[in-house]
PDB file of N, CA and C in Angstrom:
ATOM      1  N   MET A   1       8.103 -14.571 -13.511  1.00  0.00           N
ATOM      2  CA  MET A   1       8.546 -14.283 -11.985  1.00  0.00           C
ATOM      3  C   MET A   1      10.084 -13.551 -12.150  1.00  0.00           C
ATOM      4  N   SER A   2      10.798 -13.431 -11.018  1.00  0.00           N
ATOM      5  CA  SER A   2      12.417 -13.613 -11.292  1.00  0.00           C
ATOM      6  C   SER A   2      12.322 -14.833 -10.196  1.00  0.00           C
ATOM      7  N   ALA A   3      13.897 -15.270  -9.711  1.00  0.00           N
ATOM      8  CA  ALA A   3      14.027 -15.851  -8.965  1.00  0.00           C
ATOM      9  C   ALA A   3      13.855 -15.648  -7.228  1.00  0.00           C
ATOM     10  N   LEU A   4      14.595 -13.845  -7.141  1.00  0.00           N
ATOM     11  CA  LEU A   4      14.131 -13.673  -5.730  1.00  0.00           C
ATOM     12  C   LEU A   4      12.994 -13.454  -5.242  1.00  0.00           C
ATOM     13  N   TRP A   5      11.840 -13.606  -6.413  1.00  0.00           N
ATOM     14  CA  TRP A   5      10.125 -13.580  -5.492  1.00  0.00           C
ATOM     15  C   TRP A   5      10.113 -14.903  -5.648  1.00  0.00           C
ATOM     16  N   LEU A   6      10.403 -16.093  -6.392  1.00  0.00           N
ATOM     17  CA  LEU A   6       9.454 -17.123  -6.259  1.00  0.00           C
ATOM     18  C   LEU A   6      11.035 -17.710  -4.350  1.00  0.00           C
ATOM     19  N   LEU A   7      11.976 -17.149  -4.689  1.00  0.00           N
ATOM     20  CA  LEU A   7      12.472 -17.339  -2.911  1.00  0.00           C
ATOM     21  C   LEU A   7      12.028 -16.899  -2.136  1.00  0.00           C
ATOM     22  N   LEU A   8      11.304 -15.829  -2.397  1.00  0.00           N
ATOM     23  CA  LEU A   8      10.101 -14.555  -0.794  1.00  0.00           C
ATOM     24  C   LEU A   8       9.330 -15.519  -1.248  1.00  0.00           C
ATOM     25  N   ALA A   9       8.632 -15.967  -1.864  1.00  0.00           N
ATOM     26  CA  ALA A   9       7.664 -17.237  -1.691  1.00  0.00           C
ATOM     27  C   ALA A   9       7.018 -17.627  -1.010  1.00  0.00           C
ATOM     28  N   VAL A  10       8.348 -18.602  -0.710  1.00  0.00           N
ATOM     29  CA  VAL A  10       8.516 -19.253  -0.223  1.00  0.00           C
ATOM     30  C   VAL A  10       8.694 -19.337   1.289  1.00  0.00           C
ATOM     31  N   PHE A  11       9.185 -17.948   1.633  1.00  0.00           N
ATOM     32  CA  PHE A  11       9.330 -17.074   3.099  1.00  0.00           C
ATOM     33  C   PHE A  11       8.181 -17.565   3.233  1.00  0.00           C
ATOM     34  N   TYR A  12       7.246 -15.744   2.453  1.00  0.00           N
ATOM     35  CA  TYR A  12       5.716 -15.320   2.441  1.00  0.00           C
ATOM     36  C   TYR A  12       5.324 -16.720   1.662  1.00  0.00           C
ATOM     37  N   PRO A  13       3.953 -17.231   2.709  1.00  0.00           N
ATOM     38  CA  PRO A  13       3.471 -18.491   1.956  1.00  0.00           C
ATOM     39  C   PRO A  13       2.253 -16.996   0.986  1.00  0.00           C
ATOM     40  N   TRP A  14       2.002 -16.487   1.322  1.00  0.00           N
ATOM     41  CA  TRP A  14       0.773 -15.447   1.274  1.00  0.00           C
ATOM     42  C   TRP A  14       1.244 -14.344  -0.164  1.00  0.00           C
ATOM     43  N   LEU A  15       2.543 -14.682  -0.887  1.00  0.00           N
ATOM     44  CA  LEU A  15       2.446 -13.997  -1.629  1.00  0.00           C
ATOM     45  C   LEU A  15       2.690 -15.444  -3.193  1.00  0.00           C
ATOM     46  N   ARG A  16       1.651 -15.893  -2.667  1.00  0.00           N
ATOM     47  CA  ARG A  16       1.586 -17.570  -3.599  1.00  0.00           C
ATOM     48  C   ARG A  16       0.362 -17.186  -4.145  1.00  0.00           C
ATOM     49  N   VAL A  17      -0.912 -16.711  -3.313  1.00  0.00           N
ATOM     50  CA  VAL A  17      -2.157 -16.909  -3.967  1.00  0.00           C
ATOM     51  C   VAL A  17      -2.954 -14.870  -3.749  1.00  0.00           C
ATOM     52  N   ALA A  18      -1.474 -14.391  -4.045  1.00  0.00           N
ATOM     53  CA  ALA A  18      -2.497 -12.601  -3.632  1.00  0.00           C
ATOM     54  C   ALA A  18      -2.986 -12.573  -5.268  1.00  0.00           C
ATOM     55  N   ASP A  19      -3.743 -11.788  -4.929  1.00  0.00           N
ATOM     56  CA  ASP A  19      -4.608 -11.237  -6.382  1.00  0.00           C
ATOM     57  C   ASP A  19      -3.694  -9.760  -7.049  1.00  0.00           C
ATOM     58  N   PRO A  20      -2.891  -9.291  -8.030  1.00  0.00           N
ATOM     59  CA  PRO A  20      -2.779  -8.629  -9.067  1.00  0.00           C
ATOM     60  C   PRO A  20      -3.072  -7.652  -8.307  1.00  0.00           C
ATOM     61  N   GLN A  21      -4.351  -8.016  -8.784  1.00  0.00           N
ATOM     62  CA  GLN A  21      -4.930  -6.035  -8.330  1.00  0.00           C
ATOM     63  C   GLN A  21      -5.032  -6.008  -6.984  1.00  0.00           C
ATOM     64  N   GLN A  22      -4.922  -6.648  -6.175  1.00  0.00           N
ATOM     65  CA  GLN A  22      -4.864  -5.623  -4.701  1.00  0.00           C
ATOM     66  C   GLN A  22      -3.409  -5.900  -4.154  1.00  0.00           C
ATOM     67  N   GLU A  23      -2.130  -5.620  -4.944  1.00  0.00           N
ATOM     68  CA  GLU A  23      -0.666  -4.981  -4.260  1.00  0.00           C
ATOM     69  C   GLU A  23      -1.509  -3.803  -4.358  1.00  0.00           C
ATOM     70  N   LEU A  24       0.002  -3.539  -3.343  1.00  0.00           N
ATOM     71  CA  LEU A  24      -0.025  -1.953  -3.400  1.00  0.00           C
ATOM     72  C   LEU A  24      -0.204  -1.137  -3.539  1.00  0.00           C
ATOM     73  N   GLY A  25       0.782  -1.433  -5.232  1.00  0.00           N
ATOM     74  CA  GLY A  25       1.093  -0.147  -6.341  1.00  0.00           C
ATOM     75  C   GLY A  25      -0.342  -0.665  -7.284  1.00  0.00           C
ATOM     76  N   ALA A  26      -1.212  -1.355  -7.409  1.00  0.00           N
ATOM     77  CA  ALA A  26      -2.415  -1.472  -7.660  1.00  0.00           C
ATOM     78  C   ALA A  26      -3.336  -0.312  -7.283  1.00  0.00           C
ATOM     79  N   ARG A  27      -2.865  -0.796  -5.705  1.00  0.00           N
ATOM     80  CA  ARG A  27      -4.534  -0.121  -4.983  1.00  0.00           C
ATOM     81  C   ARG A  27      -4.480   1.273  -5.009  1.00  0.00           C
ATOM     82  N   ILE A  28      -3.224   1.287  -4.569  1.00  0.00           N
ATOM     83  CA  ILE A  28      -2.949   3.063  -3.958  1.00  0.00           C
ATOM     84  C   ILE A  28      -2.216   3.923  -5.238  1.00  0.00           C
ATOM     85  N   ALA A  29      -3.061   4.328  -5.944  1.00  0.00           N
ATOM     86  CA  ALA A  29      -3.204   4.886  -7.116  1.00  0.00           C
ATOM     87  C   ALA A  29      -1.457   6.988  -6.416  1.00  0.00           C
ATOM     88  N   PRO A  30      -0.485   7.292  -7.564  1.00  0.00           N
ATOM     89  CA  PRO A  30       0.092   8.369  -7.086  1.00  0.00           C
ATOM     90  C   PRO A  30      -1.260   9.058  -7.349  1.00  0.00           C
ATOM     91  N   PRO A  31      -1.137  10.222  -6.132  1.00  0.00           N
ATOM     92  CA  PRO A  31      -2.199  11.556  -6.236  1.00  0.00           C
ATOM     93  C   PRO A  31      -1.856  12.113  -7.662  1.00  0.00           C
ATOM     94  N   ALA A  32      -2.774  12.458  -7.978  1.00  0.00           N
ATOM     95  CA  ALA A  32      -3.019  13.376  -9.306  1.00  0.00           C
ATOM     96  C   ALA A  32      -1.784  14.048  -9.583  1.00  0.00           C
ATOM     97  N   GLY A  33      -1.332  14.124 -11.900  1.00  0.00           N
ATOM     98  CA  GLY A  33      -0.308  15.141 -11.434  1.00  0.00           C
ATOM     99  C   GLY A  33       0.957  13.833 -11.021  1.00  0.00           C
ATOM    100  N   TYR A  34       1.190  12.952 -10.422  1.00  0.00           N
ATOM    101  CA  TYR A  34       2.556  12.127 -10.092  1.00  0.00           C
ATOM    102  C   TYR A  34       3.120  10.864 -10.187  1.00  0.00           C
ATOM    103  N   GLU A  35       3.632  10.323 -10.551  1.00  0.00           N
ATOM    104  CA  GLU A  35       4.299   9.086 -11.810  1.00  0.00           C
ATOM    105  C   GLU A  35       4.735   8.866 -10.515  1.00  0.00           C
ATOM    106  N   ARG A  36       5.084   7.386  -9.762  1.00  0.00           N
ATOM    107  CA  ARG A  36       5.329   6.721  -9.673  1.00  0.00           C
ATOM    108  C   ARG A  36       7.253   6.671 -10.031  1.00  0.00           C
ATOM    109  N   GLU A  37       8.096   6.038  -9.165  1.00  0.00           N
ATOM    110  CA  GLU A  37       9.478   6.546  -9.704  1.00  0.00           C
ATOM    111  C   GLU A  37       9.933   4.827 -10.234  1.00  0.00           C
ATOM    112  N   PRO A  38      10.787   5.106 -11.198  1.00  0.00           N
ATOM    113  CA  PRO A  38      10.513   3.142 -11.431  1.00  0.00           C
ATOM    114  C   PRO A  38      11.541   3.163 -10.407  1.00  0.00           C
ATOM    115  N   VAL A  39      12.254   1.714  -9.830  1.00  0.00           N
ATOM    116  CA  VAL A  39      12.879   1.463  -8.964  1.00  0.00           C
ATOM    117  C   VAL A  39      13.548   0.066 -10.155  1.00  0.00           C
ATOM    118  N   ALA A  40      14.360  -0.408  -9.070  1.00  0.00           N
ATOM    119  CA  ALA A  40      15.622  -1.689  -9.721  1.00  0.00           C
ATOM    120  C   ALA A  40      14.575  -2.554  -9.546  1.00  0.00           C
ATOM    121  N   ALA A  41      15.287  -4.034 -10.342  1.00  0.00           N
ATOM    122  CA  ALA A  41      13.721  -5.122 -10.517  1.00  0.00           C
ATOM    123  C   ALA A  41      15.110  -6.104  -9.656  1.00  0.00           C
ATOM    124  N   GLU A  42      13.729  -6.730  -8.337  1.00  0.00           N
ATOM    125  CA  GLU A  42      14.495  -7.284  -7.033  1.00  0.00           C
ATOM    126  C   GLU A  42      15.059  -6.522  -5.860  1.00  0.00           C
ATOM    127  N   SER A  43      14.642  -5.340  -6.020  1.00  0.00           N
ATOM    128  CA  SER A  43      14.568  -4.175  -4.670  1.00  0.00           C
ATOM    129  C   SER A  43      13.889  -4.286  -4.051  1.00  0.00           C
ATOM    130  N   PHE A  44      13.937  -3.606  -2.947  1.00  0.00           N
ATOM    131  CA  PHE A  44      13.356  -3.746  -1.631  1.00  0.00           C
ATOM    132  C   PHE A  44      11.839  -2.670  -2.410  1.00  0.00           C
ATOM    133  N   ALA A  45      12.186  -2.169  -3.002  1.00  0.00           N
ATOM    134  CA  ALA A  45      11.641  -1.008  -3.228  1.00  0.00           C
ATOM    135  C   ALA A  45      10.047  -2.098  -4.352  1.00  0.00           C
ATOM    136  N   GLU A  46      11.058  -2.564  -4.775  1.00  0.00           N
ATOM    137  CA  GLU A  46       9.839  -3.425  -6.193  1.00  0.00           C
ATOM    138  C   GLU A  46       9.086  -4.170  -4.897  1.00  0.00           C
ATOM    139  N   TRP A  47       9.679  -4.666  -4.236  1.00  0.00           N
ATOM    140  CA  TRP A  47       9.142  -5.814  -3.517  1.00  0.00           C
ATOM    141  C   TRP A  47       7.588  -5.780  -2.341  1.00  0.00           C
ATOM    142  N   LEU A  48       8.269  -3.937  -1.849  1.00  0.00           N
ATOM    143  CA  LEU A  48       6.609  -3.799  -1.540  1.00  0.00           C
ATOM    144  C   LEU A  48       5.860  -3.273  -2.045  1.00  0.00           C
ATOM    145  N   ARG A  49       6.275  -2.336  -2.878  1.00  0.00           N
ATOM    146  CA  ARG A  49       5.091  -2.260  -4.199  1.00  0.00           C
ATOM    147  C   ARG A  49       4.117  -3.338  -4.822  1.00  0.00           C
ATOM    148  N   HIS A  50       4.288  -5.042  -4.461  1.00  0.00           N
ATOM    149  CA  HIS A  50       3.488  -6.180  -4.762  1.00  0.00           C
ATOM    150  C   HIS A  50       3.066  -6.177  -3.461  1.00  0.00           C
ATOM    151  N   LEU A  51       3.234  -6.489  -2.075  1.00  0.00           N
ATOM    152  CA  LEU A  51       2.846  -6.408  -1.245  1.00  0.00           C
ATOM    153  C   LEU A  51       1.316  -6.706  -1.051  1.00  0.00           C
ATOM    154  N   PRO A  52       0.457  -8.019  -0.908  1.00  0.00           N
ATOM    155  CA  PRO A  52      -1.196  -7.681  -1.317  1.00  0.00           C
ATOM    156  C   PRO A  52      -1.981  -6.896  -0.173  1.00  0.00           C
ATOM    157  N   LEU A  53      -2.396  -6.436  -0.279  1.00  0.00           N
ATOM    158  CA  LEU A  53      -3.850  -5.581   0.798  1.00  0.00           C
ATOM    159  C   LEU A  53      -4.883  -6.729   1.011  1.00  0.00           C
ATOM    160  N   LYS A  54      -5.727  -5.977   1.919  1.00  0.00           N
ATOM    161  CA  LYS A  54      -6.883  -7.192   1.899  1.00  0.00           C
ATOM    162  C   LYS A  54      -7.327  -6.643   0.831  1.00  0.00           C
ATOM    163  N   PRO A  55      -8.831  -7.366   0.396  1.00  0.00           N
ATOM    164  CA  PRO A  55     -10.079  -6.353  -0.687  1.00  0.00           C
ATOM    165  C   PRO A  55     -10.479  -5.531   0.795  1.00  0.00           C
ATOM    166  N   GLY A  56     -11.280  -4.725   0.031  1.00  0.00           N
ATOM    167  CA  GLY A  56     -11.771  -4.117   0.350  1.00  0.00           C
ATOM    168  C   GLY A  56     -11.365  -3.030   1.309  1.00  0.00           C
ATOM    169  N   ARG A  57     -12.141  -2.833   2.314  1.00  0.00           N
ATOM    170  CA  ARG A  57     -12.020  -1.956   3.270  1.00  0.00           C
ATOM    171  C   ARG A  57     -12.149  -2.675   4.915  1.00  0.00           C
ATOM    172  N   PRO A  58     -10.385  -3.419   5.298  1.00  0.00           N
ATOM    173  CA  PRO A  58     -11.507  -4.125   6.669  1.00  0.00           C
ATOM    174  C   PRO A  58     -10.823  -3.561   7.521  1.00  0.00           C
ATOM    175  N   PRO A  59     -10.897  -4.048   8.719  1.00  0.00           N
ATOM    176  CA  PRO A  59     -11.087  -2.774   9.549  1.00  0.00           C
ATOM    177  C   PRO A  59      -9.446  -3.309  10.142  1.00  0.00           C
ATOM    178  N   VAL A  60      -8.632  -1.914  10.857  1.00  0.00           N
ATOM    179  CA  VAL A  60      -7.944  -1.654  11.264  1.00  0.00           C
ATOM    180  C   VAL A  60      -7.356  -2.661  12.687  1.00  0.00           C
ATOM    181  N   TYR A  61      -6.198  -2.879  13.067  1.00  0.00           N
ATOM    182  CA  TYR A  61      -5.811  -3.283  14.118  1.00  0.00           C
ATOM    183  C   TYR A  61      -4.570  -2.825  14.876  1.00  0.00           C
ATOM    184  N   LEU A  62      -4.534  -2.387  16.394  1.00  0.00           N
ATOM    185  CA  LEU A  62      -3.886  -2.053  16.131  1.00  0.00           C
ATOM    186  C   LEU A  62      -2.437  -3.059  16.213  1.00  0.00           C
ATOM    187  N   HIS A  63      -1.058  -2.737  16.557  1.00  0.00           N
ATOM    188  CA  HIS A  63       0.456  -3.417  16.830  1.00  0.00           C
ATOM    189  C   HIS A  63       0.054  -4.621  17.585  1.00  0.00           C
ATOM    190  N   ASP A  64      -0.379  -4.199  18.852  1.00  0.00           N
ATOM    191  CA  ASP A  64      -0.698  -5.080  19.927  1.00  0.00           C
ATOM    192  C   ASP A  64      -1.570  -6.390  19.443  1.00  0.00           C
ATOM    193  N   GLY A  65      -2.680  -5.765  18.800  1.00  0.00           N
ATOM    194  CA  GLY A  65      -4.183  -6.825  18.477  1.00  0.00           C
ATOM    195  C   GLY A  65      -5.168  -6.642  18.763  1.00  0.00           C
ATOM    196  N   PRO A  66      -4.883  -5.306  19.335  1.00  0.00           N
ATOM    197  CA  PRO A  66      -6.553  -4.596  19.830  1.00  0.00           C
ATOM    198  C   PRO A  66      -7.185  -3.820  18.157  1.00  0.00           C
ATOM    199  N   LEU A  67      -8.715  -4.157  18.110  1.00  0.00           N
ATOM    200  CA  LEU A  67      -9.158  -3.493  17.119  1.00  0.00           C
ATOM    201  C   LEU A  67      -8.747  -1.800  17.172  1.00  0.00           C
ATOM    202  N   LYS A  68      -8.639  -0.568  16.536  1.00  0.00           N
ATOM    203  CA  LYS A  68      -8.419   0.258  15.959  1.00  0.00           C
ATOM    204  C   LYS A  68      -9.348   0.572  16.903  1.00  0.00           C
ATOM    205  N   ALA A  69     -10.305   2.198  17.516  1.00  0.00           N
ATOM    206  CA  ALA A  69     -10.031   2.498  18.739  1.00  0.00           C
ATOM    207  C   ALA A  69     -11.845   3.061  17.278  1.00  0.00           C
ATOM    208  N   ASP A  70     -10.337   4.309  16.492  1.00  0.00           N
ATOM    209  CA  ASP A  70     -11.222   5.201  15.993  1.00  0.00           C
ATOM    210  C   ASP A  70     -10.811   4.638  14.219  1.00  0.00           C
ATOM    211  N   GLN A  71     -12.038   3.899  13.447  1.00  0.00           N
ATOM    212  CA  GLN A  71     -11.974   3.414  12.202  1.00  0.00           C
ATOM    213  C   GLN A  71     -11.471   4.182  10.997  1.00  0.00           C
ATOM    214  N   THR A  72     -12.211   5.317  11.261  1.00  0.00           N
ATOM    215  CA  THR A  72     -12.036   6.909  10.468  1.00  0.00           C
ATOM    216  C   THR A  72     -11.001   6.706  10.009  1.00  0.00           C
ATOM    217  N   VAL A  73     -10.060   7.595  10.960  1.00  0.00           N
ATOM    218  CA  VAL A  73      -8.653   8.241  10.361  1.00  0.00           C
ATOM    219  C   VAL A  73      -8.006   6.880   9.846  1.00  0.00           C
ATOM    220  N   THR A  74      -7.951   6.748   8.895  1.00  0.00           N
ATOM    221  CA  THR A  74      -7.235   5.156   7.704  1.00  0.00           C
ATOM    222  C   THR A  74      -6.554   5.542   6.334  1.00  0.00           C
ATOM    223  N   LEU A  75      -6.399   5.068   5.431  1.00  0.00           N
ATOM    224  CA  LEU A  75      -6.420   5.964   4.117  1.00  0.00           C
ATOM    225  C   LEU A  75      -7.488   5.380   3.846  1.00  0.00           C
ATOM    226  N   PRO A  76      -7.662   6.837   2.857  1.00  0.00           N
ATOM    227  CA  PRO A  76      -9.699   7.035   2.263  1.00  0.00           C
ATOM    228  C   PRO A  76      -8.579   6.777   1.203  1.00  0.00           C
ATOM    229  N   SER A  77     -10.217   6.137   0.993  1.00  0.00           N
ATOM    230  CA  SER A  77     -10.236   5.784  -0.677  1.00  0.00           C
ATOM    231  C   SER A  77      -9.550   6.374  -2.176  1.00  0.00           C
ATOM    232  N   SER A  78     -10.049   7.585  -1.508  1.00  0.00           N
ATOM    233  CA  SER A  78      -9.045   8.728  -3.082  1.00  0.00           C
ATOM    234  C   SER A  78      -7.766   9.838  -2.070  1.00  0.00           C
ATOM    235  N   THR A  79      -6.544   8.718  -2.366  1.00  0.00           N
ATOM    236  CA  THR A  79      -5.191   8.946  -1.794  1.00  0.00           C
ATOM    237  C   THR A  79      -5.303  11.172  -2.533  1.00  0.00           C
ATOM    238  N   SER A  80      -5.856  10.972  -3.452  1.00  0.00           N
ATOM    239  CA  SER A  80      -5.728  12.070  -3.892  1.00  0.00           C
ATOM    240  C   SER A  80      -5.818  13.295  -3.144  1.00  0.00           C
ATOM    241  N   THR A  81      -6.958  13.171  -3.108  1.00  0.00           N
ATOM    242  CA  THR A  81      -7.408  14.716  -2.296  1.00  0.00           C
ATOM    243  C   THR A  81      -7.382  14.095  -0.640  1.00  0.00           C
ATOM    244  N   TRP A  82      -6.988  12.988  -0.309  1.00  0.00           N
ATOM    245  CA  TRP A  82      -5.702  13.218   1.373  1.00  0.00           C
ATOM    246  C   TRP A  82      -4.932  13.601   1.106  1.00  0.00           C
ATOM    247  N   VAL A  83      -4.032  13.386  -0.173  1.00  0.00           N
ATOM    248  CA  VAL A  83      -2.553  14.758   0.353  1.00  0.00           C
ATOM    249  C   VAL A  83      -3.334  15.937  -0.271  1.00  0.00           C
ATOM    250  N   GLY A  84      -4.321  16.241  -0.664  1.00  0.00           N
ATOM    251  CA  GLY A  84      -4.160  18.035  -0.673  1.00  0.00           C
ATOM    252  C   GLY A  84      -4.795  18.063  -0.009  1.00  0.00           C
ATOM    253  N   GLU A  85      -4.805  16.895   1.346  1.00  0.00           N
ATOM    254  CA  GLU A  85      -6.042  17.904   2.417  1.00  0.00           C
ATOM    255  C   GLU A  85      -4.401  18.664   3.674  1.00  0.00           C
ATOM    256  N   ILE A  86      -3.937  17.794   3.154  1.00  0.00           N
ATOM    257  CA  ILE A  86      -2.513  17.605   4.338  1.00  0.00           C
ATOM    258  C   ILE A  86      -1.879  18.796   3.716  1.00  0.00           C
ATOM    259  N   SER A  87      -1.255  19.167   1.815  1.00  0.00           N
ATOM    260  CA  SER A  87      -0.335  19.685   1.524  1.00  0.00           C
ATOM    261  C   SER A  87      -1.427  21.135   1.766  1.00  0.00           C
ATOM    262  N   SER A  88      -2.484  21.465   1.811  1.00  0.00           N
ATOM    263  CA  SER A  88      -3.259  22.750   2.234  1.00  0.00           C
ATOM    264  C   SER A  88      -3.754  23.057   3.396  1.00  0.00           C
ATOM    265  N   SER A  89      -3.611  21.865   4.453  1.00  0.00           N
ATOM    266  CA  SER A  89      -3.766  22.576   6.000  1.00  0.00           C
ATOM    267  C   SER A  89      -2.082  22.648   6.566  1.00  0.00           C
ATOM    268  N   ALA A  90      -1.090  22.186   5.547  1.00  0.00           N
ATOM    269  CA  ALA A  90       0.226  21.853   5.698  1.00  0.00           C
ATOM    270  C   ALA A  90       0.771  23.792   5.422  1.00  0.00           C
ATOM    271  N   GLN A  91       0.203  24.353   4.601  1.00  0.00           N
ATOM    272  CA  GLN A  91       0.368  25.594   4.049  1.00  0.00           C
ATOM    273  C   GLN A  91      -0.205  26.765   4.954  1.00  0.00           C
ATOM    274  N   THR A  92       1.259  27.720   5.562  1.00  0.00           N
ATOM    275  CA  THR A  92       1.673  28.949   5.950  1.00  0.00           C
ATOM    276  C   THR A  92       0.832  30.307   5.454  1.00  0.00           C
ATOM    277  N   PRO A  93      -0.333  30.538   7.387  1.00  0.00           N
ATOM    278  CA  PRO A  93      -0.746  31.878   6.028  1.00  0.00           C
ATOM    279  C   PRO A  93       0.498  32.867   5.851  1.00  0.00           C
TER     280      PRO A  93
END
């Protein structure tokens, strides 16, 4: 772990106990046929990729606290399907 990562763990205590398998970069795979771009060590992009997500599919809350009414409109378990649906629906006839 880099010195910057350790410093961030002081300000973000949840980083110290995070499960690497729950990190954003591990849980959300790029769509089929794509790869993640390499990012510089100790960059903001690297930090984002290591942010932990809650295990499973926890409820989604709005920014001001209440539970989001429609829990079905969230990132699906298969992002490649989701991206494919967006791509095909965005095409013009």
